[in-house]
C-alpha atoms as a PDB file:
ATOM      1  CA  MET A   1      18.541  53.482  48.139  1.00  0.00           C
ATOM      2  CA  GLU A   2      21.911  54.414  48.269  1.00  0.00           C
ATOM      3  CA  GLY A   3      21.274  57.860  49.790  1.00  0.00           C
ATOM      4  CA  ASN A   4      18.894  55.784  52.707  1.00  0.00           C
ATOM      5  CA  ASP A   5      21.935  53.482  53.567  1.00  0.00           C
ATOM      6  CA  SER A   6      24.968  56.197  53.688  1.00  0.00           C
ATOM      7  CA  GLU A   7      22.354  57.943  56.191  1.00  0.00           C
ATOM      8  CA  ASP A   8      21.604  54.991  58.455  1.00  0.00           C
ATOM      9  CA  GLU A   9      25.434  54.670  58.375  1.00  0.00           C
ATOM     10  CA  GLY A  10      26.289  57.926  59.118  1.00  0.00           C
ATOM     11  CA  PHE A  11      23.356  57.725  62.228  1.00  0.00           C
ATOM     12  CA  GLY A  12      24.675  54.359  63.686  1.00  0.00           C
ATOM     13  CA  PHE A  13      28.148  55.645  63.270  1.00  0.00           C
ATOM     14  CA  SER A  14      27.097  58.928  65.820  1.00  0.00           C
ATOM     15  CA  ARG A  15      24.653  56.640  67.682  1.00  0.00           C
ATOM     16  CA  ASN A  16      27.841  54.049  68.707  1.00  0.00           C
ATOM     17  CA  TYR A  17      29.509  57.329  69.515  1.00  0.00           C
ATOM     18  CA  PHE A  18      27.575  58.382  71.984  1.00  0.00           C
ATOM     19  CA  ILE A  19      27.037  55.221  73.326  1.00  0.00           C
ATOM     20  CA  ALA A  20      30.891  54.829  74.199  1.00  0.00           C
ATOM     21  CA  LYS A  21      31.039  58.102  75.713  1.00  0.00           C
ATOM     22  CA  GLU A  22      28.455  57.080  78.193  1.00  0.00           C
ATOM     23  CA  LEU A  23      29.269  53.772  79.183  1.00  0.00           C
ATOM     24  CA  GLY A  24      32.890  55.592  79.001  1.00  0.00           C
ATOM     25  CA  GLY A  25      31.628  57.836  81.819  1.00  0.00           C
ATOM     26  CA  SER A  26      30.065  55.188  84.277  1.00  0.00           C
ATOM     27  CA  GLY A  27      33.104  53.791  84.473  1.00  0.00           C
ATOM     28  CA  LYS A  28      35.224  54.363  87.560  1.00  0.00           C
ATOM     29  CA  LYS A  29      38.179  56.725  87.340  1.00  0.00           C
ATOM     30  CA  SER A  30      41.911  56.101  89.047  1.00  0.00           C
ATOM     31  CA  SER A  31      42.886  57.825  91.430  1.00  0.00           C
ATOM     32  CA  ARG A  32      46.558  58.002  90.608  1.00  0.00           C
ATOM     33  CA  LYS A  33      48.422  61.245  89.789  1.00  0.00           C
ATOM     34  CA  LEU A  34      51.500  62.563  87.559  1.00  0.00           C
ATOM     35  CA  SER A  35      52.754  64.118  91.146  1.00  0.00           C
ATOM     36  CA  ASP A  36      52.352  60.168  92.645  1.00  0.00           C
ATOM     37  CA  ILE A  37      55.405  59.087  90.540  1.00  0.00           C
ATOM     38  CA  GLU A  38      58.760  59.727  92.233  1.00  0.00           C
ATOM     39  CA  PRO A  39      61.210  61.288  90.488  1.00  0.00           C
ATOM     40  CA  VAL A  40      64.708  60.132  89.475  1.00  0.00           C
ATOM     41  CA  ASP A  41      67.966  61.733  90.476  1.00  0.00           C
ATOM     42  CA  GLU A  42      69.087  63.560  86.994  1.00  0.00           C
ATOM     43  CA  GLN A  43      72.210  62.027  86.759  1.00  0.00           C
ATOM     44  CA  GLU A  44      71.362  58.640  87.369  1.00  0.00           C
ATOM     45  CA  LEU A  45      68.331  59.128  84.692  1.00  0.00           C
ATOM     46  CA  ARG A  46      70.667  60.692  81.994  1.00  0.00           C
ATOM     47  CA  ALA A  47      73.577  57.271  82.651  1.00  0.00           C
ATOM     48  CA  ALA A  48      70.332  55.085  82.579  1.00  0.00           C
ATOM     49  CA  ALA A  49      69.265  56.872  79.091  1.00  0.00           C
ATOM     50  CA  CYS A  50      73.165  56.610  77.606  1.00  0.00           C
ATOM     51  CA  SER A  51      73.563  53.151  78.331  1.00  0.00           C
ATOM     52  CA  ILE A  52      70.307  51.811  75.969  1.00  0.00           C
ATOM     53  CA  GLU A  53      71.608  50.002  72.694  1.00  0.00           C
ATOM     54  CA  SER A  54      71.042  52.022  69.895  1.00  0.00           C
ATOM     55  CA  LYS A  55      69.298  49.658  67.460  1.00  0.00           C
ATOM     56  CA  HIS A  56      69.431  49.452  63.532  1.00  0.00           C
ATOM     57  CA  GLU A  57      72.476  51.180  63.583  1.00  0.00           C
ATOM     58  CA  LYS A  58      73.370  49.634  59.699  1.00  0.00           C
ATOM     59  CA  GLU A  59      70.245  50.711  58.629  1.00  0.00           C
ATOM     60  CA  ILE A  60      70.844  54.950  60.399  1.00  0.00           C
ATOM     61  CA  ALA A  61      73.909  54.359  58.288  1.00  0.00           C
ATOM     62  CA  SER A  62      72.190  53.563  55.152  1.00  0.00           C
ATOM     63  CA  LEU A  63      70.235  56.122  54.968  1.00  0.00           C
ATOM     64  CA  LEU A  64      72.022  58.797  55.871  1.00  0.00           C
ATOM     65  CA  ASP A  65      74.984  57.960  53.212  1.00  0.00           C
ATOM     66  CA  SER A  66      72.183  57.904  51.157  1.00  0.00           C
ATOM     67  CA  TYR A  67      71.911  61.697  51.335  1.00  0.00           C
ATOM     68  CA  LYS A  68      74.965  62.224  50.265  1.00  0.00           C
ATOM     69  CA  SER A  69      74.098  61.930  46.692  1.00  0.00           C
ATOM     70  CA  LEU A  70      72.352  65.049  47.298  1.00  0.00           C
ATOM     71  CA  TYR A  71      75.298  67.308  48.430  1.00  0.00           C
ATOM     72  CA  PRO A  72      75.949  68.501  44.698  1.00  0.00           C
ATOM     73  CA  LYS A  73      72.611  69.559  44.145  1.00  0.00           C
ATOM     74  CA  TRP A  74      72.438  71.821  47.984  1.00  0.00           C
ATOM     75  CA  VAL A  75      75.821  73.267  46.681  1.00  0.00           C
ATOM     76  CA  PHE A  76      74.448  74.187  43.399  1.00  0.00           C
ATOM     77  CA  GLU A  77      71.359  75.766  45.172  1.00  0.00           C
ATOM     78  CA  LEU A  78      73.614  77.248  47.489  1.00  0.00           C
ATOM     79  CA  ARG A  79      75.328  78.895  45.220  1.00  0.00           C
ATOM     80  CA  CYS A  80      72.061  80.426  43.620  1.00  0.00           C
ATOM     81  CA  GLY A  81      71.722  82.311  46.548  1.00  0.00           C
ATOM     82  CA  PHE A  82      68.732  79.658  48.470  1.00  0.00           C
ATOM     83  CA  GLY A  83      69.000  78.478  51.150  1.00  0.00           C
ATOM     84  CA  LEU A  84      68.583  74.827  52.452  1.00  0.00           C
ATOM     85  CA  LEU A  85      66.397  73.634  55.738  1.00  0.00           C
ATOM     86  CA  MET A  86      66.832  70.245  56.768  1.00  0.00           C
ATOM     87  CA  TYR A  87      63.349  68.857  58.605  1.00  0.00           C
ATOM     88  CA  GLY A  88      62.448  65.239  59.417  1.00  0.00           C
ATOM     89  CA  PHE A  89      62.629  62.614  62.042  1.00  0.00           C
ATOM     90  CA  GLY A  90      65.760  62.528  64.699  1.00  0.00           C
ATOM     91  CA  SER A  91      68.736  64.203  64.843  1.00  0.00           C
ATOM     92  CA  LYS A  92      70.079  66.224  61.571  1.00  0.00           C
ATOM     93  CA  LYS A  93      73.595  67.782  63.492  1.00  0.00           C
ATOM     94  CA  ALA A  94      75.703  65.037  62.167  1.00  0.00           C
ATOM     95  CA  LEU A  95      74.446  65.114  58.436  1.00  0.00           C
ATOM     96  CA  ILE A  96      74.357  68.789  58.163  1.00  0.00           C
ATOM     97  CA  GLU A  97      78.687  68.797  59.556  1.00  0.00           C
ATOM     98  CA  ASP A  98      78.916  66.331  57.219  1.00  0.00           C
ATOM     99  CA  PHE A  99      77.913  67.944  54.424  1.00  0.00           C
ATOM    100  CA  ALA A 100      79.504  71.090  55.441  1.00  0.00           C
ATOM    101  CA  SER A 101      82.560  69.845  55.581  1.00  0.00           C
ATOM    102  CA  THR A 102      82.835  67.292  53.219  1.00  0.00           C
ATOM    103  CA  ALA A 103      81.233  69.595  49.764  1.00  0.00           C
ATOM    104  CA  LEU A 104      81.790  73.626  51.508  1.00  0.00           C
ATOM    105  CA  THR A 105      85.267  73.392  51.607  1.00  0.00           C
ATOM    106  CA  GLU A 106      85.414  76.242  49.363  1.00  0.00           C
ATOM    107  CA  CYS A 107      83.861  78.594  51.948  1.00  0.00           C
ATOM    108  CA  ALA A 108      83.673  79.354  55.444  1.00  0.00           C
ATOM    109  CA  VAL A 109      81.145  78.273  57.810  1.00  0.00           C
ATOM    110  CA  VAL A 110      80.149  79.569  61.188  1.00  0.00           C
ATOM    111  CA  VAL A 111      78.073  76.988  63.089  1.00  0.00           C
ATOM    112  CA  ILE A 112      75.085  78.498  65.969  1.00  0.00           C
ATOM    113  CA  ASN A 113      73.585  75.858  68.026  1.00  0.00           C
ATOM    114  CA  GLY A 114      70.268  77.124  68.558  1.00  0.00           C
ATOM    115  CA  TYR A 115      69.720  73.968  70.654  1.00  0.00           C
ATOM    116  CA  LEU A 116      71.433  75.938  73.354  1.00  0.00           C
ATOM    117  CA  GLN A 117      69.368  77.797  76.373  1.00  0.00           C
ATOM    118  CA  SER A 118      70.415  81.386  75.679  1.00  0.00           C
ATOM    119  CA  ILE A 119      72.529  82.700  72.820  1.00  0.00           C
ATOM    120  CA  ASN A 120      73.372  86.112  72.190  1.00  0.00           C
ATOM    121  CA  ILE A 121      72.682  87.119  68.372  1.00  0.00           C
ATOM    122  CA  LYS A 122      74.530  90.258  68.194  1.00  0.00           C
ATOM    123  CA  GLN A 123      77.879  88.256  69.684  1.00  0.00           C
ATOM    124  CA  ALA A 124      76.913  85.529  66.510  1.00  0.00           C
ATOM    125  CA  VAL A 125      75.982  88.411  63.866  1.00  0.00           C
ATOM    126  CA  ILE A 126      79.959  89.874  65.026  1.00  0.00           C
ATOM    127  CA  ALA A 127      81.639  86.238  64.370  1.00  0.00           C
ATOM    128  CA  ILE A 128      79.886  86.301  60.907  1.00  0.00           C
ATOM    129  CA  ALA A 129      81.005  89.534  59.837  1.00  0.00           C
ATOM    130  CA  GLU A 130      84.622  88.841  61.165  1.00  0.00           C
ATOM    131  CA  VAL A 131      84.454  85.554  59.234  1.00  0.00           C
ATOM    132  CA  LEU A 132      83.648  87.215  55.854  1.00  0.00           C
ATOM    133  CA  TRP A 133      85.866  90.123  56.571  1.00  0.00           C
ATOM    134  CA  ASP A 134      89.295  87.460  56.437  1.00  0.00           C
ATOM    135  CA  GLN A 135      87.441  86.065  53.757  1.00  0.00           C
ATOM    136  CA  LEU A 136      87.404  89.149  51.267  1.00  0.00           C
ATOM    137  CA  LYS A 137      90.990  89.822  52.823  1.00  0.00           C
ATOM    138  CA  THR A 138      92.277  86.688  51.443  1.00  0.00           C
ATOM    139  CA  ARG A 139      90.515  87.040  48.098  1.00  0.00           C
ATOM    140  CA  ARG A 140      91.509  90.698  47.659  1.00  0.00           C
ATOM    141  CA  THR A 141      94.044  91.184  44.456  1.00  0.00           C
ATOM    142  CA  PRO A 142      96.839  94.426  44.186  1.00  0.00           C
ATOM    143  CA  SER A 143      94.256  96.228  42.429  1.00  0.00           C
ATOM    144  CA  LYS A 144      91.513  96.473  44.583  1.00  0.00           C
ATOM    145  CA  ASP A 145      91.472  99.035  47.758  1.00  0.00           C
ATOM    146  CA  PHE A 146      90.556  97.479  50.956  1.00  0.00           C
ATOM    147  CA  PRO A 147      90.319 100.054  53.573  1.00  0.00           C
ATOM    148  CA  LYS A 148      93.040  98.948  55.962  1.00  0.00           C
ATOM    149  CA  ALA A 149      91.763 100.618  59.241  1.00  0.00           C
ATOM    150  CA  GLN A 150      87.834 100.385  60.080  1.00  0.00           C
ATOM    151  CA  GLN A 151      85.708 100.507  63.466  1.00  0.00           C
ATOM    152  CA  PRO A 152      85.779  97.131  64.694  1.00  0.00           C
ATOM    153  CA  PHE A 153      82.851  94.855  64.444  1.00  0.00           C
ATOM    154  CA  SER A 154      82.150  94.604  68.204  1.00  0.00           C
ATOM    155  CA  SER A 155      81.220  98.053  68.655  1.00  0.00           C
ATOM    156  CA  ARG A 156      78.875  98.775  65.455  1.00  0.00           C
ATOM    157  CA  SER A 157      75.421  98.327  65.158  1.00  0.00           C
ATOM    158  CA  MET A 158      73.463  95.558  63.865  1.00  0.00           C
ATOM    159  CA  ASP A 159      72.153  97.327  61.266  1.00  0.00           C
ATOM    160  CA  ASP A 160      75.948  98.413  60.326  1.00  0.00           C
ATOM    161  CA  LEU A 161      76.864  94.781  60.776  1.00  0.00           C
ATOM    162  CA  LEU A 162      73.913  93.515  57.941  1.00  0.00           C
ATOM    163  CA  ALA A 163      75.091  96.500  55.555  1.00  0.00           C
ATOM    164  CA  PHE A 164      78.850  95.005  55.611  1.00  0.00           C
ATOM    165  CA  MET A 165      77.535  91.498  54.568  1.00  0.00           C
ATOM    166  CA  ASP A 166      75.149  92.528  52.132  1.00  0.00           C
ATOM    167  CA  GLY A 167      77.638  94.835  50.564  1.00  0.00           C
ATOM    168  CA  SER A 168      79.262  94.718  46.725  1.00  0.00           C
ATOM    169  CA  HIS A 169      82.340  94.415  48.056  1.00  0.00           C
ATOM    170  CA  SER A 170      84.152  94.885  44.891  1.00  0.00           C
ATOM    171  CA  GLU A 171      83.860  92.239  42.542  1.00  0.00           C
ATOM    172  CA  GLU A 172      83.726  89.967  45.096  1.00  0.00           C
ATOM    173  CA  THR A 173      80.404  88.370  44.040  1.00  0.00           C
ATOM    174  CA  ASP A 174      81.262  84.419  44.774  1.00  0.00           C
ATOM    175  CA  CYS A 175      82.695  84.994  48.282  1.00  0.00           C
ATOM    176  CA  PHE A 176      79.799  84.267  50.855  1.00  0.00           C
ATOM    177  CA  VAL A 177      79.781  82.650  54.298  1.00  0.00           C
ATOM    178  CA  CYS A 178      77.917  79.772  55.084  1.00  0.00           C
ATOM    179  CA  VAL A 179      75.673  79.984  58.559  1.00  0.00           C
ATOM    180  CA  VAL A 180      74.744  76.027  59.690  1.00  0.00           C
ATOM    181  CA  ILE A 181      71.871  76.660  62.237  1.00  0.00           C
ATOM    182  CA  HIS A 182      71.470  73.517  64.583  1.00  0.00           C
ATOM    183  CA  ASN A 183      67.566  74.084  65.523  1.00  0.00           C
ATOM    184  CA  ILE A 184      66.800  77.116  64.376  1.00  0.00           C
ATOM    185  CA  ASP A 185      63.614  76.434  66.302  1.00  0.00           C
ATOM    186  CA  GLY A 186      65.416  76.236  69.400  1.00  0.00           C
ATOM    187  CA  PRO A 187      65.149  78.110  72.416  1.00  0.00           C
ATOM    188  CA  GLY A 188      67.405  80.556  72.400  1.00  0.00           C
ATOM    189  CA  LEU A 189      66.499  81.546  68.879  1.00  0.00           C
ATOM    190  CA  ARG A 190      62.927  81.478  69.168  1.00  0.00           C
ATOM    191  CA  ASP A 191      61.855  84.675  70.088  1.00  0.00           C
ATOM    192  CA  SER A 192      60.419  87.104  67.531  1.00  0.00           C
ATOM    193  CA  ASP A 193      63.362  89.922  67.299  1.00  0.00           C
ATOM    194  CA  THR A 194      65.870  87.281  66.913  1.00  0.00           C
ATOM    195  CA  GLN A 195      64.369  85.172  64.045  1.00  0.00           C
ATOM    196  CA  GLN A 196      63.877  88.710  62.657  1.00  0.00           C
ATOM    197  CA  TYR A 197      67.419  89.083  62.899  1.00  0.00           C
ATOM    198  CA  LEU A 198      68.149  86.096  61.520  1.00  0.00           C
ATOM    199  CA  ALA A 199      66.134  86.292  58.365  1.00  0.00           C
ATOM    200  CA  ARG A 200      67.959  89.714  57.317  1.00  0.00           C
ATOM    201  CA  VAL A 201      71.246  88.107  57.768  1.00  0.00           C
ATOM    202  CA  ALA A 202      69.865  84.869  55.147  1.00  0.00           C
ATOM    203  CA  GLY A 203      68.690  88.266  52.687  1.00  0.00           C
ATOM    204  CA  CYS A 204      72.339  89.133  52.533  1.00  0.00           C
ATOM    205  CA  SER A 205      73.971  88.942  49.686  1.00  0.00           C
ATOM    206  CA  HIS A 206      77.523  87.124  50.884  1.00  0.00           C
ATOM    207  CA  ILE A 207      75.793  84.938  53.559  1.00  0.00           C
ATOM    208  CA  ARG A 208      74.225  81.378  52.839  1.00  0.00           C
ATOM    209  CA  MET A 209      71.831  79.430  55.476  1.00  0.00           C
ATOM    210  CA  VAL A 210      71.751  75.628  56.174  1.00  0.00           C
ATOM    211  CA  ALA A 211      69.201  74.882  59.101  1.00  0.00           C
ATOM    212  CA  SER A 212      67.563  72.403  60.966  1.00  0.00           C
ATOM    213  CA  ILE A 213      64.232  72.469  62.769  1.00  0.00           C
ATOM    214  CA  ASP A 214      62.327  69.574  64.621  1.00  0.00           C
ATOM    215  CA  HIS A 215      59.080  71.565  65.861  1.00  0.00           C
ATOM    216  CA  VAL A 216      56.031  71.010  63.982  1.00  0.00           C
ATOM    217  CA  ASN A 217      54.711  74.732  64.490  1.00  0.00           C
ATOM    218  CA  THR A 218      58.212  76.153  63.469  1.00  0.00           C
ATOM    219  CA  PRO A 219      57.104  78.020  59.950  1.00  0.00           C
ATOM    220  CA  LEU A 220      54.275  79.614  62.330  1.00  0.00           C
ATOM    221  CA  LEU A 221      57.445  81.888  63.552  1.00  0.00           C
ATOM    222  CA  TRP A 222      58.199  83.048  59.943  1.00  0.00           C
ATOM    223  CA  ASP A 223      55.758  85.454  57.708  1.00  0.00           C
ATOM    224  CA  LYS A 224      55.741  85.123  54.114  1.00  0.00           C
ATOM    225  CA  LYS A 225      57.849  87.592  53.328  1.00  0.00           C
ATOM    226  CA  MET A 226      60.498  85.751  55.670  1.00  0.00           C
ATOM    227  CA  VAL A 227      60.038  82.258  54.023  1.00  0.00           C
ATOM    228  CA  HIS A 228      60.244  83.344  50.223  1.00  0.00           C
ATOM    229  CA  THR A 229      62.322  86.655  49.931  1.00  0.00           C
ATOM    230  CA  GLN A 230      64.994  86.469  53.099  1.00  0.00           C
ATOM    231  CA  PHE A 231      65.398  82.892  53.925  1.00  0.00           C
ATOM    232  CA  ASN A 232      64.088  81.647  50.597  1.00  0.00           C
ATOM    233  CA  TRP A 233      63.994  78.010  51.752  1.00  0.00           C
ATOM    234  CA  CYS A 234      64.446  75.000  49.552  1.00  0.00           C
ATOM    235  CA  TRP A 235      62.686  72.234  52.275  1.00  0.00           C
ATOM    236  CA  TYR A 236      64.009  68.641  52.560  1.00  0.00           C
ATOM    237  CA  HIS A 237      62.510  65.918  54.330  1.00  0.00           C
ATOM    238  CA  VAL A 238      65.898  63.898  55.384  1.00  0.00           C
ATOM    239  CA  PRO A 239      64.256  61.609  58.426  1.00  0.00           C
ATOM    240  CA  THR A 240      67.599  60.248  60.178  1.00  0.00           C
ATOM    241  CA  PHE A 241      66.653  58.727  63.362  1.00  0.00           C
ATOM    242  CA  VAL A 242      69.454  59.575  64.987  1.00  0.00           C
ATOM    243  CA  PRO A 243      68.639  59.974  68.935  1.00  0.00           C
ATOM    244  CA  TYR A 244      69.187  63.523  69.917  1.00  0.00           C
ATOM    245  CA  LYS A 245      72.006  62.948  72.674  1.00  0.00           C
ATOM    246  CA  VAL A 246      73.730  66.135  72.305  1.00  0.00           C
ATOM    247  CA  GLU A 247      70.581  68.805  71.851  1.00  0.00           C
ATOM    248  CA  GLY A 248      69.331  66.388  74.328  1.00  0.00           C
ATOM    249  CA  ILE A 249      71.577  67.265  76.693  1.00  0.00           C
ATOM    250  CA  PHE A 250      70.857  70.737  77.061  1.00  0.00           C
ATOM    251  CA  HIS A 251      66.657  70.236  78.038  1.00  0.00           C
ATOM    252  CA  PRO A 252      65.883  68.798  81.406  1.00  0.00           C
ATOM    253  CA  LEU A 253      64.670  65.588  82.032  1.00  0.00           C
ATOM    254  CA  ILE A 254      60.513  65.411  82.623  1.00  0.00           C
ATOM    255  CA  LEU A 255      60.943  62.844  85.188  1.00  0.00           C
ATOM    256  CA  ALA A 256      64.460  63.646  86.486  1.00  0.00           C
ATOM    257  CA  HIS A 257      64.877  65.087  90.242  1.00  0.00           C
ATOM    258  CA  GLY A 258      65.855  68.750  90.050  1.00  0.00           C
ATOM    259  CA  GLY A 259      68.216  69.011  93.024  1.00  0.00           C
ATOM    260  CA  THR A 260      70.780  71.895  93.905  1.00  0.00           C
ATOM    261  CA  ALA A 261      72.473  71.262  90.358  1.00  0.00           C
ATOM    262  CA  GLN A 262      69.510  71.746  88.515  1.00  0.00           C
ATOM    263  CA  SER A 263      68.091  74.433  91.227  1.00  0.00           C
ATOM    264  CA  ALA A 264      71.477  76.321  90.202  1.00  0.00           C
ATOM    265  CA  LYS A 265      70.962  76.220  86.439  1.00  0.00           C
ATOM    266  CA  THR A 266      67.543  77.413  86.506  1.00  0.00           C
ATOM    267  CA  ALA A 267      68.334  79.922  88.820  1.00  0.00           C
ATOM    268  CA  ALA A 268      71.147  80.866  85.989  1.00  0.00           C
ATOM    269  CA  ILE A 269      69.007  80.722  83.569  1.00  0.00           C
ATOM    270  CA  VAL A 270      66.617  83.399  84.938  1.00  0.00           C
ATOM    271  CA  LEU A 271      69.268  85.469  86.204  1.00  0.00           C
ATOM    272  CA  GLN A 272      70.456  85.821  82.265  1.00  0.00           C
ATOM    273  CA  SER A 273      66.985  86.860  81.486  1.00  0.00           C
ATOM    274  CA  LEU A 274      67.315  90.273  83.870  1.00  0.00           C
ATOM    275  CA  THR A 275      67.823  93.676  83.145  1.00  0.00           C
ATOM    276  CA  PRO A 276      71.512  95.306  84.143  1.00  0.00           C
ATOM    277  CA  ASN A 277      69.663  96.893  86.969  1.00  0.00           C
ATOM    278  CA  ALA A 278      67.367  93.985  88.413  1.00  0.00           C
ATOM    279  CA  GLN A 279      70.686  91.758  88.233  1.00  0.00           C
ATOM    280  CA  SER A 280      72.600  94.717  90.573  1.00  0.00           C
ATOM    281  CA  VAL A 281      69.618  94.062  93.052  1.00  0.00           C
ATOM    282  CA  PHE A 282      70.046  90.187  93.559  1.00  0.00           C
ATOM    283  CA  ARG A 283      74.062  90.641  93.588  1.00  0.00           C
ATOM    284  CA  VAL A 284      73.526  93.268  96.361  1.00  0.00           C
ATOM    285  CA  LEU A 285      70.734  90.746  98.543  1.00  0.00           C
ATOM    286  CA  ALA A 286      72.661  87.870  97.311  1.00  0.00           C
ATOM    287  CA  GLU A 287      76.408  90.120  98.861  1.00  0.00           C
ATOM    288  CA  HIS A 288      74.483  90.537 102.138  1.00  0.00           C
ATOM    289  CA  GLN A 289      72.836  86.809 102.999  1.00  0.00           C
ATOM    290  CA  LEU A 290      76.892  85.380 102.282  1.00  0.00           C
ATOM    291  CA  ALA A 291      77.782  88.113 104.751  1.00  0.00           C
ATOM    292  CA  HIS A 292      75.347  87.407 107.376  1.00  0.00           C
ATOM    293  CA  PRO A 293      75.003  83.532 107.101  1.00  0.00           C
ATOM    294  CA  ASP A 294      72.914  83.244 110.739  1.00  0.00           C
ATOM    295  CA  GLU A 295      70.679  85.938 109.612  1.00  0.00           C
ATOM    296  CA  GLU A 296      66.871  84.564 107.949  1.00  0.00           C
ATOM    297  CA  GLY A 297      66.357  87.918 105.982  1.00  0.00           C
ATOM    298  CA  LYS A 298      66.186  91.837 106.016  1.00  0.00           C
ATOM    299  CA  ASP A 299      63.772  94.019 105.856  1.00  0.00           C
ATOM    300  CA  ALA A 300      62.490  95.421 102.668  1.00  0.00           C
ATOM    301  CA  CYS A 301      62.891  98.932 102.780  1.00  0.00           C
ATOM    302  CA  LYS A 302      66.213  98.349 104.174  1.00  0.00           C
ATOM    303  CA  GLN A 303      67.264  96.541 100.836  1.00  0.00           C
ATOM    304  CA  PHE A 304      65.729  98.753  98.994  1.00  0.00           C
ATOM    305  CA  ILE A 305      67.610 101.978 100.771  1.00  0.00           C
ATOM    306  CA  GLN A 306      71.003 100.078 100.638  1.00  0.00           C
ATOM    307  CA  TYR A 307      70.698  99.011  97.147  1.00  0.00           C
ATOM    308  CA  MET A 308      70.023 102.706  96.094  1.00  0.00           C
ATOM    309  CA  SER A 309      72.944 104.042  97.962  1.00  0.00           C
ATOM    310  CA  ARG A 310      74.653 102.046  96.499  1.00  0.00           C
ATOM    311  CA  ALA A 311      73.492 102.890  92.756  1.00  0.00           C
ATOM    312  CA  LEU A 312      73.423 105.857  92.944  1.00  0.00           C
ATOM    313  CA  PHE A 313      76.846 107.200  95.704  1.00  0.00           C
ATOM    314  CA  GLY A 314      78.463 103.867  95.005  1.00  0.00           C
ATOM    315  CA  GLU A 315      78.255 103.613  99.321  1.00  0.00           C
END
C-alpha cells in the first residue's frame, strides 16, 4: 500500500507540473523588452547609489569584530606555510587589511587589487621580489655574505624572479613576504596564465598569500596541484555583508548610459589588450584623423602603405 501511495503522489506531482506549463504557455506574454529601459547617466546613477543609507551598521561592525579572534590562528597557519582564502557575501577588503595591519607587523606586506580591470603580473612579481630583497638585507648579519651588486629585478625573467623568492637565502627561513590579493578571481587576474604564475608565487618558500574570492565558480580556475600544493589554501567562510563600494567603482553599471567618458574607458581597455604593432597602427590612423578633422576617412590601401613606410623606413 505504501508503494502505491508513493507512486500516486509522484504521478500527481508530474501531472500538476504539465498542467501548470500548459496554462502558463497559453497566457499572454508581455511585449516589454530590456532595450525599452532608458539608461541613466553613470555619474548620476553612482551618486544615487552612494546616497543610499547604510543599514545594520552595528551588526556588521560586531560581525567584523568577532573575526578578530581568528587573527592568531591565521598568523599561525601562515607561519606553517599555508595560504588563507576568504570567501562569503560582502566585501572582505577592510577585514583583510585590518588583519594585515594589526597581526602581520613582523613581516612585509604587498597588496594586489585584483578587482582592477588590468594588472601587469610581471610588475607585481617584481615588486614582491624587491620587497623580499629589502627585508633580507635588513635581517642580514656580518657573518652572512650577501652580494653587493646584482642584476636589477626589472630585467630578470619570471623564472629568475620565482627562483629568487624560492631560494634558501642562508638561514633566513623565517623571513617571508605576505602577498594580499583582493579578489584573486578579478577580471585582471582571471586568465589561466596569470593564475599559474600566482600559484607558483604562492608556492615559493619566502611567500605567504592571503586572498579573497567572490565568484561562485572561482575554484574552477585551479587544478588539484595548484590548490593543495602551491596555494595550499585554508578556506575561511567570513561573510561581512559590507557593500562592494571600492570594488564596484571599476565595474560598469548595467543600467548606466556609457556616454563619452565610458566610451573612452572602453577604448582604453581595448587598446591595452592589443599588441605593440597593432597599437602603432591605431596611433598612425588617429594622428592622421586629428591632423585632418574635415576628412571622413582614408582609403584602406593608403593607410596600410603609410603605416608600413613609417614602420620600416621611419618616414
